[in-house]
C-alpha cells in the first residue's frame, strides 16, 4: 500500500510539473537580437549590454 501511495504521489507531482511547464507562454519563444525589452531598447544592442553590465 505504501509503495502504491509513494508512486502515485511522485507521478502526480511530475505530471503537475509537466502541466505547469507546458502552460508557460515563453515555452516556444526564443528571443532574437531584434526583440526589445520593456523600455524599448534592443536586446542585441552592444550599448544595452554594456549599460546593464555596469549596473550590476
C-alpha atoms as a PDB file:
ATOM      1  CA  UNK A   1       0.000   0.000   0.000  1.00  0.00           C
ATOM      2  CA  UNK A   2       2.802   2.418   0.876  1.00  0.00           C
ATOM      3  CA  UNK A   3       4.574   1.661  -2.405  1.00  0.00           C
ATOM      4  CA  UNK A   4       1.476   2.463  -4.439  1.00  0.00           C
ATOM      5  CA  UNK A   5       0.917   5.661  -2.480  1.00  0.00           C
ATOM      6  CA  UNK A   6       4.532   6.754  -2.976  1.00  0.00           C
ATOM      7  CA  UNK A   7       4.303   6.041  -6.715  1.00  0.00           C
ATOM      8  CA  UNK A   8       1.020   7.906  -7.022  1.00  0.00           C
ATOM      9  CA  UNK A   9       2.348  10.963  -5.188  1.00  0.00           C
ATOM     10  CA  UNK A  10       5.605  11.163  -7.147  1.00  0.00           C
ATOM     11  CA  UNK A  11       3.951  10.585 -10.516  1.00  0.00           C
ATOM     12  CA  UNK A  12       1.260  13.106  -9.674  1.00  0.00           C
ATOM     13  CA  UNK A  13       3.882  15.715  -8.803  1.00  0.00           C
ATOM     14  CA  UNK A  14       5.770  15.026 -12.026  1.00  0.00           C
ATOM     15  CA  UNK A  15       2.559  15.326 -14.038  1.00  0.00           C
ATOM     16  CA  UNK A  16       1.800  18.619 -12.290  1.00  0.00           C
ATOM     17  CA  UNK A  17       5.294  19.930 -13.082  1.00  0.00           C
ATOM     18  CA  UNK A  18       4.926  18.986 -16.771  1.00  0.00           C
ATOM     19  CA  UNK A  19       1.499  20.613 -16.937  1.00  0.00           C
ATOM     20  CA  UNK A  20       2.796  23.861 -15.396  1.00  0.00           C
ATOM     21  CA  UNK A  21       5.790  23.924 -17.751  1.00  0.00           C
ATOM     22  CA  UNK A  22       3.626  23.334 -20.812  1.00  0.00           C
ATOM     23  CA  UNK A  23       1.346  26.243 -19.879  1.00  0.00           C
ATOM     24  CA  UNK A  24       4.259  28.727 -19.971  1.00  0.00           C
ATOM     25  CA  UNK A  25       3.856  31.450 -22.578  1.00  0.00           C
ATOM     26  CA  UNK A  26       7.564  31.663 -23.383  1.00  0.00           C
ATOM     27  CA  UNK A  27       7.951  27.920 -23.875  1.00  0.00           C
ATOM     28  CA  UNK A  28       8.125  28.127 -27.646  1.00  0.00           C
ATOM     29  CA  UNK A  29       9.789  31.540 -27.997  1.00  0.00           C
ATOM     30  CA  UNK A  30      13.488  32.194 -28.322  1.00  0.00           C
ATOM     31  CA  UNK A  31      14.451  35.854 -28.040  1.00  0.00           C
ATOM     32  CA  UNK A  32      16.120  37.312 -31.099  1.00  0.00           C
ATOM     33  CA  UNK A  33      18.527  40.257 -31.282  1.00  0.00           C
ATOM     34  CA  UNK A  34      15.676  42.304 -32.765  1.00  0.00           C
ATOM     35  CA  UNK A  35      13.429  41.906 -29.704  1.00  0.00           C
ATOM     36  CA  UNK A  36      13.058  44.869 -27.389  1.00  0.00           C
ATOM     37  CA  UNK A  37      12.860  44.947 -23.624  1.00  0.00           C
ATOM     38  CA  UNK A  38      10.177  46.725 -21.588  1.00  0.00           C
ATOM     39  CA  UNK A  39      11.914  50.097 -22.007  1.00  0.00           C
ATOM     40  CA  UNK A  40      12.052  49.739 -25.801  1.00  0.00           C
ATOM     41  CA  UNK A  41      15.783  49.053 -26.033  1.00  0.00           C
ATOM     42  CA  UNK A  42      17.032  46.398 -28.433  1.00  0.00           C
ATOM     43  CA  UNK A  43      18.384  43.325 -26.687  1.00  0.00           C
ATOM     44  CA  UNK A  44      21.160  42.773 -29.211  1.00  0.00           C
ATOM     45  CA  UNK A  45      22.460  46.340 -28.896  1.00  0.00           C
ATOM     46  CA  UNK A  46      26.048  46.362 -27.519  1.00  0.00           C
ATOM     47  CA  UNK A  47      25.325  49.620 -25.670  1.00  0.00           C
ATOM     48  CA  UNK A  48      22.391  47.886 -23.991  1.00  0.00           C
ATOM     49  CA  UNK A  49      24.652  45.046 -22.814  1.00  0.00           C
ATOM     50  CA  UNK A  50      27.352  47.415 -21.524  1.00  0.00           C
ATOM     51  CA  UNK A  51      24.911  49.620 -19.624  1.00  0.00           C
ATOM     52  CA  UNK A  52      23.382  46.616 -17.878  1.00  0.00           C
ATOM     53  CA  UNK A  53      26.838  45.247 -17.027  1.00  0.00           C
ATOM     54  CA  UNK A  54      27.766  48.489 -15.244  1.00  0.00           C
ATOM     55  CA  UNK A  55      24.569  48.438 -13.180  1.00  0.00           C
ATOM     56  CA  UNK A  56      25.329  45.084 -11.601  1.00  0.00           C
END
